[in-house]
C-alpha atoms as a PDB file:
ATOM      1  CA  UNK A   1      -5.488 -28.005  10.604  1.00  0.00           C
ATOM      2  CA  UNK A   2      -7.872 -30.845   9.849  1.00  0.00           C
ATOM      3  CA  UNK A   3      -7.297 -32.732   6.626  1.00  0.00           C
ATOM      4  CA  UNK A   4      -9.338 -31.431   3.728  1.00  0.00           C
ATOM      5  CA  UNK A   5     -12.611 -33.355   3.353  1.00  0.00           C
ATOM      6  CA  UNK A   6     -12.543 -32.983  -0.411  1.00  0.00           C
ATOM      7  CA  UNK A   7      -9.876 -32.622  -3.073  1.00  0.00           C
ATOM      8  CA  UNK A   8     -11.781 -30.346  -5.430  1.00  0.00           C
ATOM      9  CA  UNK A   9     -10.248 -26.913  -5.572  1.00  0.00           C
ATOM     10  CA  UNK A  10     -13.267 -24.862  -4.568  1.00  0.00           C
ATOM     11  CA  UNK A  11     -13.875 -26.927  -1.419  1.00  0.00           C
ATOM     12  CA  UNK A  12     -10.187 -26.899  -0.503  1.00  0.00           C
ATOM     13  CA  UNK A  13      -9.980 -23.138  -0.912  1.00  0.00           C
ATOM     14  CA  UNK A  14     -13.135 -22.573   1.137  1.00  0.00           C
ATOM     15  CA  UNK A  15     -11.830 -24.790   3.970  1.00  0.00           C
ATOM     16  CA  UNK A  16      -8.472 -22.974   3.991  1.00  0.00           C
ATOM     17  CA  UNK A  17     -10.133 -19.547   4.152  1.00  0.00           C
ATOM     18  CA  UNK A  18     -12.374 -20.652   7.039  1.00  0.00           C
ATOM     19  CA  UNK A  19      -9.365 -22.074   8.890  1.00  0.00           C
ATOM     20  CA  UNK A  20      -7.379 -18.831   8.498  1.00  0.00           C
ATOM     21  CA  UNK A  21     -10.397 -16.768   9.508  1.00  0.00           C
ATOM     22  CA  UNK A  22     -10.710 -18.847  12.680  1.00  0.00           C
ATOM     23  CA  UNK A  23      -7.066 -18.035  13.418  1.00  0.00           C
ATOM     24  CA  UNK A  24      -7.779 -14.298  12.985  1.00  0.00           C
ATOM     25  CA  UNK A  25      -5.498 -13.993   9.975  1.00  0.00           C
ATOM     26  CA  UNK A  26      -5.918 -10.727   8.092  1.00  0.00           C
ATOM     27  CA  UNK A  27      -6.860 -11.040   4.408  1.00  0.00           C
ATOM     28  CA  UNK A  28      -7.516 -14.762   4.824  1.00  0.00           C
ATOM     29  CA  UNK A  29      -9.068 -15.069   1.356  1.00  0.00           C
ATOM     30  CA  UNK A  30      -6.160 -13.353  -0.412  1.00  0.00           C
ATOM     31  CA  UNK A  31      -3.655 -15.418   1.584  1.00  0.00           C
ATOM     32  CA  UNK A  32      -5.322 -18.714   0.746  1.00  0.00           C
ATOM     33  CA  UNK A  33      -5.735 -17.873  -2.932  1.00  0.00           C
ATOM     34  CA  UNK A  34      -2.136 -16.683  -3.266  1.00  0.00           C
ATOM     35  CA  UNK A  35      -0.738 -19.804  -1.597  1.00  0.00           C
ATOM     36  CA  UNK A  36      -2.902 -22.164  -3.644  1.00  0.00           C
ATOM     37  CA  UNK A  37      -1.886 -20.454  -6.884  1.00  0.00           C
ATOM     38  CA  UNK A  38       1.742 -20.829  -5.784  1.00  0.00           C
ATOM     39  CA  UNK A  39       1.308 -24.569  -5.143  1.00  0.00           C
ATOM     40  CA  UNK A  40      -0.416 -25.067  -8.504  1.00  0.00           C
ATOM     41  CA  UNK A  41       2.155 -22.868 -10.303  1.00  0.00           C
ATOM     42  CA  UNK A  42      -0.519 -20.677 -11.869  1.00  0.00           C
ATOM     43  CA  UNK A  43      -1.400 -16.996 -11.589  1.00  0.00           C
ATOM     44  CA  UNK A  44      -3.835 -16.108  -8.810  1.00  0.00           C
ATOM     45  CA  UNK A  45      -6.184 -14.579 -11.368  1.00  0.00           C
ATOM     46  CA  UNK A  46      -6.365 -17.949 -13.138  1.00  0.00           C
ATOM     47  CA  UNK A  47      -7.670 -19.821 -10.095  1.00  0.00           C
ATOM     48  CA  UNK A  48     -11.299 -19.258 -11.053  1.00  0.00           C
ATOM     49  CA  UNK A  49     -10.620 -20.981 -14.389  1.00  0.00           C
ATOM     50  CA  UNK A  50      -9.584 -24.124 -12.500  1.00  0.00           C
ATOM     51  CA  UNK A  51     -12.277 -24.427  -9.823  1.00  0.00           C
ATOM     52  CA  UNK A  52     -13.389 -27.796 -11.198  1.00  0.00           C
ATOM     53  CA  UNK A  53      -9.841 -29.185 -10.849  1.00  0.00           C
ATOM     54  CA  UNK A  54      -9.179 -32.038  -8.442  1.00  0.00           C
ATOM     55  CA  UNK A  55      -5.965 -31.540  -6.491  1.00  0.00           C
ATOM     56  CA  UNK A  56      -3.305 -34.237  -6.418  1.00  0.00           C
ATOM     57  CA  UNK A  57      -2.288 -35.641  -3.025  1.00  0.00           C
ATOM     58  CA  UNK A  58       1.090 -33.920  -3.229  1.00  0.00           C
ATOM     59  CA  UNK A  59      -0.521 -30.574  -4.070  1.00  0.00           C
ATOM     60  CA  UNK A  60      -2.907 -30.957  -1.166  1.00  0.00           C
ATOM     61  CA  UNK A  61      -0.087 -31.762   1.289  1.00  0.00           C
ATOM     62  CA  UNK A  62       1.998 -28.805   0.107  1.00  0.00           C
ATOM     63  CA  UNK A  63      -0.949 -26.432   0.366  1.00  0.00           C
ATOM     64  CA  UNK A  64      -1.782 -27.629   3.856  1.00  0.00           C
ATOM     65  CA  UNK A  65       1.813 -27.002   5.002  1.00  0.00           C
ATOM     66  CA  UNK A  66       1.734 -23.458   3.634  1.00  0.00           C
ATOM     67  CA  UNK A  67      -1.647 -22.726   5.204  1.00  0.00           C
ATOM     68  CA  UNK A  68      -0.306 -23.966   8.552  1.00  0.00           C
ATOM     69  CA  UNK A  69       2.595 -21.526   8.276  1.00  0.00           C
ATOM     70  CA  UNK A  70       0.270 -18.658   7.397  1.00  0.00           C
ATOM     71  CA  UNK A  71      -1.971 -19.565  10.360  1.00  0.00           C
ATOM     72  CA  UNK A  72       0.995 -18.695  12.607  1.00  0.00           C
ATOM     73  CA  UNK A  73       1.048 -15.227  10.970  1.00  0.00           C
ATOM     74  CA  UNK A  74       4.123 -15.795   8.846  1.00  0.00           C
ATOM     75  CA  UNK A  75       3.856 -13.342   5.921  1.00  0.00           C
ATOM     76  CA  UNK A  76       2.737 -14.835   2.610  1.00  0.00           C
ATOM     77  CA  UNK A  77       5.751 -13.243   0.886  1.00  0.00           C
ATOM     78  CA  UNK A  78       8.189 -15.192   3.092  1.00  0.00           C
ATOM     79  CA  UNK A  79       6.248 -18.420   2.600  1.00  0.00           C
ATOM     80  CA  UNK A  80       6.382 -18.026  -1.185  1.00  0.00           C
ATOM     81  CA  UNK A  81       9.864 -16.516  -1.064  1.00  0.00           C
ATOM     82  CA  UNK A  82       9.290 -13.700  -3.534  1.00  0.00           C
ATOM     83  CA  UNK A  83       7.245 -10.623  -4.361  1.00  0.00           C
ATOM     84  CA  UNK A  84       6.576  -8.520  -7.439  1.00  0.00           C
ATOM     85  CA  UNK A  85       7.962  -5.012  -6.938  1.00  0.00           C
ATOM     86  CA  UNK A  86       7.597  -2.376  -9.633  1.00  0.00           C
ATOM     87  CA  UNK A  87       7.684  -5.019 -12.348  1.00  0.00           C
ATOM     88  CA  UNK A  88      10.689  -6.809 -10.834  1.00  0.00           C
ATOM     89  CA  UNK A  89      10.662 -10.248  -9.214  1.00  0.00           C
ATOM     90  CA  UNK A  90      12.274  -9.827  -5.798  1.00  0.00           C
ATOM     91  CA  UNK A  91      13.385 -12.737  -3.600  1.00  0.00           C
ATOM     92  CA  UNK A  92      12.620 -12.177   0.088  1.00  0.00           C
ATOM     93  CA  UNK A  93      13.328 -14.084   3.270  1.00  0.00           C
ATOM     94  CA  UNK A  94      13.587 -13.335   6.996  1.00  0.00           C
ATOM     95  CA  UNK A  95      16.841 -11.406   6.418  1.00  0.00           C
ATOM     96  CA  UNK A  96      15.196  -8.605   4.430  1.00  0.00           C
ATOM     97  CA  UNK A  97      12.171  -6.392   4.823  1.00  0.00           C
ATOM     98  CA  UNK A  98       9.247  -7.150   2.520  1.00  0.00           C
ATOM     99  CA  UNK A  99       8.989  -4.234   0.048  1.00  0.00           C
ATOM    100  CA  UNK A 100       5.778  -2.246   0.563  1.00  0.00           C
ATOM    101  CA  UNK A 101       3.391  -0.558  -1.850  1.00  0.00           C
ATOM    102  CA  UNK A 102       4.510   2.780  -0.380  1.00  0.00           C
ATOM    103  CA  UNK A 103       8.035   2.079  -1.562  1.00  0.00           C
ATOM    104  CA  UNK A 104       6.740   1.369  -5.063  1.00  0.00           C
ATOM    105  CA  UNK A 105       5.192   4.843  -4.952  1.00  0.00           C
ATOM    106  CA  UNK A 106       8.599   6.230  -3.942  1.00  0.00           C
ATOM    107  CA  UNK A 107      10.229   4.528  -6.936  1.00  0.00           C
ATOM    108  CA  UNK A 108       7.533   5.859  -9.246  1.00  0.00           C
ATOM    109  CA  UNK A 109       8.012   9.413  -7.963  1.00  0.00           C
ATOM    110  CA  UNK A 110      11.789   9.113  -8.419  1.00  0.00           C
ATOM    111  CA  UNK A 111      11.298   7.799 -11.964  1.00  0.00           C
ATOM    112  CA  UNK A 112       9.225  10.858 -12.838  1.00  0.00           C
ATOM    113  CA  UNK A 113      12.044  13.085 -11.582  1.00  0.00           C
ATOM    114  CA  UNK A 114      14.818  11.166 -13.343  1.00  0.00           C
ATOM    115  CA  UNK A 115      12.977  11.096 -16.675  1.00  0.00           C
ATOM    116  CA  UNK A 116      13.801  14.801 -16.964  1.00  0.00           C
ATOM    117  CA  UNK A 117      17.534  14.312 -16.320  1.00  0.00           C
ATOM    118  CA  UNK A 118      20.509  13.510 -18.538  1.00  0.00           C
ATOM    119  CA  UNK A 119      21.743  10.359 -16.798  1.00  0.00           C
ATOM    120  CA  UNK A 120      24.944   9.719 -18.766  1.00  0.00           C
ATOM    121  CA  UNK A 121      27.686   8.947 -16.251  1.00  0.00           C
ATOM    122  CA  UNK A 122      25.446   9.735 -13.271  1.00  0.00           C
ATOM    123  CA  UNK A 123      25.715   7.856  -9.967  1.00  0.00           C
ATOM    124  CA  UNK A 124      22.864   6.773  -7.684  1.00  0.00           C
ATOM    125  CA  UNK A 125      23.369   5.287  -4.218  1.00  0.00           C
ATOM    126  CA  UNK A 126      20.618   3.346  -2.448  1.00  0.00           C
ATOM    127  CA  UNK A 127      21.270   3.479   1.307  1.00  0.00           C
ATOM    128  CA  UNK A 128      19.887   0.601   3.453  1.00  0.00           C
ATOM    129  CA  UNK A 129      19.245  -1.330   0.250  1.00  0.00           C
ATOM    130  CA  UNK A 130      17.965  -4.517   1.947  1.00  0.00           C
ATOM    131  CA  UNK A 131      16.633  -6.817  -0.784  1.00  0.00           C
ATOM    132  CA  UNK A 132      17.906  -4.352  -3.388  1.00  0.00           C
ATOM    133  CA  UNK A 133      14.357  -3.698  -4.629  1.00  0.00           C
ATOM    134  CA  UNK A 134      14.693   0.087  -5.056  1.00  0.00           C
ATOM    135  CA  UNK A 135      18.143  -0.075  -6.658  1.00  0.00           C
ATOM    136  CA  UNK A 136      17.087  -2.842  -9.034  1.00  0.00           C
ATOM    137  CA  UNK A 137      13.845  -1.148 -10.092  1.00  0.00           C
ATOM    138  CA  UNK A 138      15.682   2.109 -10.837  1.00  0.00           C
ATOM    139  CA  UNK A 139      18.565   0.444 -12.675  1.00  0.00           C
ATOM    140  CA  UNK A 140      16.100  -1.533 -14.782  1.00  0.00           C
ATOM    141  CA  UNK A 141      14.205   1.640 -15.642  1.00  0.00           C
ATOM    142  CA  UNK A 142      17.349   3.732 -16.252  1.00  0.00           C
ATOM    143  CA  UNK A 143      20.149   1.463 -17.542  1.00  0.00           C
ATOM    144  CA  UNK A 144      22.513   4.436 -18.025  1.00  0.00           C
ATOM    145  CA  UNK A 145      22.665   5.065 -14.293  1.00  0.00           C
ATOM    146  CA  UNK A 146      25.571   3.649 -12.309  1.00  0.00           C
ATOM    147  CA  UNK A 147      23.802   2.237  -9.266  1.00  0.00           C
ATOM    148  CA  UNK A 148      25.265   1.299  -5.891  1.00  0.00           C
ATOM    149  CA  UNK A 149      23.477  -0.348  -2.977  1.00  0.00           C
ATOM    150  CA  UNK A 150      24.763  -0.353   0.589  1.00  0.00           C
ATOM    151  CA  UNK A 151      23.632  -2.215   3.690  1.00  0.00           C
ATOM    152  CA  UNK A 152      25.131  -3.187   7.024  1.00  0.00           C
ATOM    153  CA  UNK A 153      23.699  -6.716   6.790  1.00  0.00           C
ATOM    154  CA  UNK A 154      25.790  -9.299   4.934  1.00  0.00           C
ATOM    155  CA  UNK A 155      22.796 -11.642   4.625  1.00  0.00           C
ATOM    156  CA  UNK A 156      20.632  -8.884   3.156  1.00  0.00           C
ATOM    157  CA  UNK A 157      23.333  -8.124   0.580  1.00  0.00           C
ATOM    158  CA  UNK A 158      23.457 -11.786  -0.426  1.00  0.00           C
ATOM    159  CA  UNK A 159      19.742 -11.581  -1.204  1.00  0.00           C
ATOM    160  CA  UNK A 160      20.236  -8.279  -3.048  1.00  0.00           C
ATOM    161  CA  UNK A 161      22.960  -9.844  -5.221  1.00  0.00           C
ATOM    162  CA  UNK A 162      20.629 -12.721  -6.116  1.00  0.00           C
ATOM    163  CA  UNK A 163      17.891 -10.255  -6.996  1.00  0.00           C
ATOM    164  CA  UNK A 164      20.166  -8.204  -9.243  1.00  0.00           C
ATOM    165  CA  UNK A 165      21.174 -11.382 -11.079  1.00  0.00           C
ATOM    166  CA  UNK A 166      17.555 -12.537 -11.300  1.00  0.00           C
ATOM    167  CA  UNK A 167      16.549  -9.210 -12.877  1.00  0.00           C
ATOM    168  CA  UNK A 168      19.617  -9.080 -15.136  1.00  0.00           C
ATOM    169  CA  UNK A 169      20.961  -5.747 -13.870  1.00  0.00           C
ATOM    170  CA  UNK A 170      24.478  -4.752 -12.860  1.00  0.00           C
ATOM    171  CA  UNK A 171      24.542  -3.111  -9.436  1.00  0.00           C
ATOM    172  CA  UNK A 172      27.549  -2.687  -7.160  1.00  0.00           C
ATOM    173  CA  UNK A 173      26.612  -3.678  -3.613  1.00  0.00           C
ATOM    174  CA  UNK A 174      28.795  -2.682  -0.674  1.00  0.00           C
ATOM    175  CA  UNK A 175      28.692  -3.691   2.989  1.00  0.00           C
ATOM    176  CA  UNK A 176      28.968  -0.859   5.450  1.00  0.00           C
ATOM    177  CA  UNK A 177      27.325   1.770   7.618  1.00  0.00           C
ATOM    178  CA  UNK A 178      25.360   4.193   5.428  1.00  0.00           C
ATOM    179  CA  UNK A 179      27.694   6.158   3.119  1.00  0.00           C
ATOM    180  CA  UNK A 180      30.976   5.127   4.754  1.00  0.00           C
ATOM    181  CA  UNK A 181      32.047   2.669   1.964  1.00  0.00           C
ATOM    182  CA  UNK A 182      31.998   5.435  -0.671  1.00  0.00           C
ATOM    183  CA  UNK A 183      35.144   7.397   0.195  1.00  0.00           C
ATOM    184  CA  UNK A 184      35.993   8.348  -3.389  1.00  0.00           C
ATOM    185  CA  UNK A 185      32.490   8.640  -4.813  1.00  0.00           C
ATOM    186  CA  UNK A 186      30.267  11.682  -5.217  1.00  0.00           C
ATOM    187  CA  UNK A 187      26.660  10.736  -5.906  1.00  0.00           C
ATOM    188  CA  UNK A 188      24.252  12.584  -8.187  1.00  0.00           C
ATOM    189  CA  UNK A 189      21.259  10.912  -6.552  1.00  0.00           C
ATOM    190  CA  UNK A 190      20.820   9.357  -3.128  1.00  0.00           C
ATOM    191  CA  UNK A 191      17.816   7.204  -2.249  1.00  0.00           C
ATOM    192  CA  UNK A 192      16.971   5.691   1.095  1.00  0.00           C
ATOM    193  CA  UNK A 193      14.143   3.863   2.793  1.00  0.00           C
ATOM    194  CA  UNK A 194      15.927   3.533   6.143  1.00  0.00           C
ATOM    195  CA  UNK A 195      14.590   2.101   9.400  1.00  0.00           C
ATOM    196  CA  UNK A 196      12.262   4.775  10.811  1.00  0.00           C
ATOM    197  CA  UNK A 197       9.980   3.008  13.303  1.00  0.00           C
ATOM    198  CA  UNK A 198      10.487   4.042  16.937  1.00  0.00           C
ATOM    199  CA  UNK A 199      10.741   1.420  19.698  1.00  0.00           C
ATOM    200  CA  UNK A 200       7.325   2.515  20.980  1.00  0.00           C
ATOM    201  CA  UNK A 201       5.739   2.197  17.525  1.00  0.00           C
ATOM    202  CA  UNK A 202       7.350  -1.220  17.029  1.00  0.00           C
ATOM    203  CA  UNK A 203       5.353  -2.636  19.943  1.00  0.00           C
ATOM    204  CA  UNK A 204       2.116  -1.673  18.175  1.00  0.00           C
ATOM    205  CA  UNK A 205       2.930  -3.369  14.851  1.00  0.00           C
ATOM    206  CA  UNK A 206       1.073  -6.468  13.648  1.00  0.00           C
ATOM    207  CA  UNK A 207       2.538  -9.836  14.655  1.00  0.00           C
ATOM    208  CA  UNK A 208       3.094 -10.552  10.942  1.00  0.00           C
ATOM    209  CA  UNK A 209       5.677  -7.767  10.998  1.00  0.00           C
ATOM    210  CA  UNK A 210       7.281  -7.725  14.441  1.00  0.00           C
ATOM    211  CA  UNK A 211       7.529 -11.516  14.812  1.00  0.00           C
ATOM    212  CA  UNK A 212       8.969 -12.227  11.362  1.00  0.00           C
ATOM    213  CA  UNK A 213      10.561  -9.222   9.638  1.00  0.00           C
ATOM    214  CA  UNK A 214      14.088  -8.159  10.675  1.00  0.00           C
ATOM    215  CA  UNK A 215      13.878  -5.608  13.483  1.00  0.00           C
ATOM    216  CA  UNK A 216      17.188  -4.079  12.375  1.00  0.00           C
ATOM    217  CA  UNK A 217      15.499  -3.028   9.106  1.00  0.00           C
ATOM    218  CA  UNK A 218      12.525  -1.464  10.876  1.00  0.00           C
ATOM    219  CA  UNK A 219      13.538   0.244  14.099  1.00  0.00           C
ATOM    220  CA  UNK A 220      15.611   3.376  14.592  1.00  0.00           C
ATOM    221  CA  UNK A 221      16.676   5.151  17.783  1.00  0.00           C
ATOM    222  CA  UNK A 222      15.951   8.810  18.536  1.00  0.00           C
ATOM    223  CA  UNK A 223      12.209   8.418  17.974  1.00  0.00           C
ATOM    224  CA  UNK A 224      12.795   6.786  14.605  1.00  0.00           C
ATOM    225  CA  UNK A 225      14.974   9.658  13.323  1.00  0.00           C
ATOM    226  CA  UNK A 226      18.420   8.129  13.920  1.00  0.00           C
ATOM    227  CA  UNK A 227      19.275   7.368  10.292  1.00  0.00           C
ATOM    228  CA  UNK A 228      18.093  10.671   8.832  1.00  0.00           C
ATOM    229  CA  UNK A 229      20.338  12.452  11.337  1.00  0.00           C
ATOM    230  CA  UNK A 230      23.318  10.215  10.555  1.00  0.00           C
ATOM    231  CA  UNK A 231      22.880  10.583   6.794  1.00  0.00           C
ATOM    232  CA  UNK A 232      22.557  14.368   7.069  1.00  0.00           C
ATOM    233  CA  UNK A 233      25.824  14.597   9.006  1.00  0.00           C
ATOM    234  CA  UNK A 234      27.670  12.690   6.258  1.00  0.00           C
ATOM    235  CA  UNK A 235      25.916  13.962   3.187  1.00  0.00           C
ATOM    236  CA  UNK A 236      28.128  16.797   1.921  1.00  0.00           C
ATOM    237  CA  UNK A 237      31.190  14.534   1.876  1.00  0.00           C
ATOM    238  CA  UNK A 238      29.547  12.191  -0.640  1.00  0.00           C
ATOM    239  CA  UNK A 239      27.599  14.580  -2.859  1.00  0.00           C
ATOM    240  CA  UNK A 240      28.112  17.439  -5.292  1.00  0.00           C
ATOM    241  CA  UNK A 241      26.146  20.568  -6.189  1.00  0.00           C
ATOM    242  CA  UNK A 242      22.649  19.724  -7.473  1.00  0.00           C
ATOM    243  CA  UNK A 243      22.643  16.228  -5.917  1.00  0.00           C
ATOM    244  CA  UNK A 244      19.060  15.120  -5.304  1.00  0.00           C
ATOM    245  CA  UNK A 245      18.039  13.154  -2.204  1.00  0.00           C
ATOM    246  CA  UNK A 246      14.946  10.951  -1.967  1.00  0.00           C
ATOM    247  CA  UNK A 247      13.691   9.422   1.290  1.00  0.00           C
ATOM    248  CA  UNK A 248      10.774   7.419   2.594  1.00  0.00           C
ATOM    249  CA  UNK A 249       9.721   8.721   6.016  1.00  0.00           C
ATOM    250  CA  UNK A 250       7.296   7.879   8.814  1.00  0.00           C
ATOM    251  CA  UNK A 251       3.890   9.517   8.537  1.00  0.00           C
ATOM    252  CA  UNK A 252       4.471  11.673  11.634  1.00  0.00           C
ATOM    253  CA  UNK A 253       8.061  12.685  10.838  1.00  0.00           C
ATOM    254  CA  UNK A 254       7.552  15.501   8.318  1.00  0.00           C
ATOM    255  CA  UNK A 255       8.474  18.404  10.601  1.00  0.00           C
ATOM    256  CA  UNK A 256      11.369  16.553  12.212  1.00  0.00           C
ATOM    257  CA  UNK A 257      12.899  15.597   8.862  1.00  0.00           C
ATOM    258  CA  UNK A 258      12.470  19.134   7.513  1.00  0.00           C
ATOM    259  CA  UNK A 259      14.236  20.364  10.616  1.00  0.00           C
ATOM    260  CA  UNK A 260      17.099  17.852  10.193  1.00  0.00           C
ATOM    261  CA  UNK A 261      17.617  18.980   6.589  1.00  0.00           C
ATOM    262  CA  UNK A 262      17.322  22.690   7.383  1.00  0.00           C
ATOM    263  CA  UNK A 263      20.828  23.827   6.369  1.00  0.00           C
ATOM    264  CA  UNK A 264      20.648  26.680   3.849  1.00  0.00           C
ATOM    265  CA  UNK A 265      22.559  24.454   1.376  1.00  0.00           C
ATOM    266  CA  UNK A 266      19.387  22.400   0.964  1.00  0.00           C
ATOM    267  CA  UNK A 267      16.922  23.717  -1.587  1.00  0.00           C
ATOM    268  CA  UNK A 268      13.629  22.557  -3.114  1.00  0.00           C
ATOM    269  CA  UNK A 269      12.467  20.720   0.017  1.00  0.00           C
ATOM    270  CA  UNK A 270       9.318  18.741  -0.779  1.00  0.00           C
ATOM    271  CA  UNK A 271       7.160  16.349   1.265  1.00  0.00           C
ATOM    272  CA  UNK A 272       4.721  14.162  -0.692  1.00  0.00           C
ATOM    273  CA  UNK A 273       1.804  12.115   0.623  1.00  0.00           C
ATOM    274  CA  UNK A 274       1.099   8.444  -0.123  1.00  0.00           C
ATOM    275  CA  UNK A 275      -2.227   7.034  -1.362  1.00  0.00           C
ATOM    276  CA  UNK A 276      -3.576   7.189   2.210  1.00  0.00           C
ATOM    277  CA  UNK A 277      -2.883  10.938   2.339  1.00  0.00           C
ATOM    278  CA  UNK A 278      -0.088  10.408   4.870  1.00  0.00           C
ATOM    279  CA  UNK A 279       3.214  12.284   4.644  1.00  0.00           C
ATOM    280  CA  UNK A 280       5.521   9.584   3.351  1.00  0.00           C
ATOM    281  CA  UNK A 281       8.226  10.892   0.994  1.00  0.00           C
ATOM    282  CA  UNK A 282      10.827  13.620   1.405  1.00  0.00           C
ATOM    283  CA  UNK A 283      12.776  15.059  -1.529  1.00  0.00           C
ATOM    284  CA  UNK A 284      15.511  17.666  -1.246  1.00  0.00           C
ATOM    285  CA  UNK A 285      18.222  19.046  -3.512  1.00  0.00           C
ATOM    286  CA  UNK A 286      21.666  20.326  -2.565  1.00  0.00           C
ATOM    287  CA  UNK A 287      22.395  23.850  -3.747  1.00  0.00           C
END
């Protein structure tokens, strides 16, 4: 990237947007604004109040470095190192998936269900917890819940622990394969946003995703259905009557997931669409 010709904020921002556009970066304007706000330690919405500001040399150098990284399609969230998720500040790096808006919708739908429950002494397990975003958001919203998070990745769990501390919530994180670490626990609620992208679908993803986000957190065997099948095989050992299960699913997986959870012990099966009218969330209750 050529050095900025001017140090005034408006010119710098315009040059950065043009540079990212030339590199075919999606949402170039949003990327540039977000990164500049990060460098200046202000909210993105406050940028327009500072357009007459002249950037310091150090600020200019830092911004240029970040724009260079974004020009190589590195996600803004990794560059900044954090994201706001359902009112929680969540640290993210290359070891964890960046939480999506769809997953915020999942949390919101779960909250609406749990608001109607007596949560005293109740246990919730978040399978494939990753950054811990879902577990943390739910624990923050419902402090009475005893919340566990489980993941097979040690590095992801280190991030999740940091995030729990950052958001001042007490969550018990365990390393292991799905529900296997919970031998003596029977959950009242189980939540999971597991890997559900097939190998074929993975090849079609944007470079921002497939070149930077952890493949282990995205891709599942058996046409993306591997983890739903594994969880279903284990589920009755770790649950009790009336346990509620909440999943995020791929937009084409509705019928397959309904078929996987077709045992007569499952009741109140429900598939809910996201804001794009795609099948995205699966809820089911054990009889």
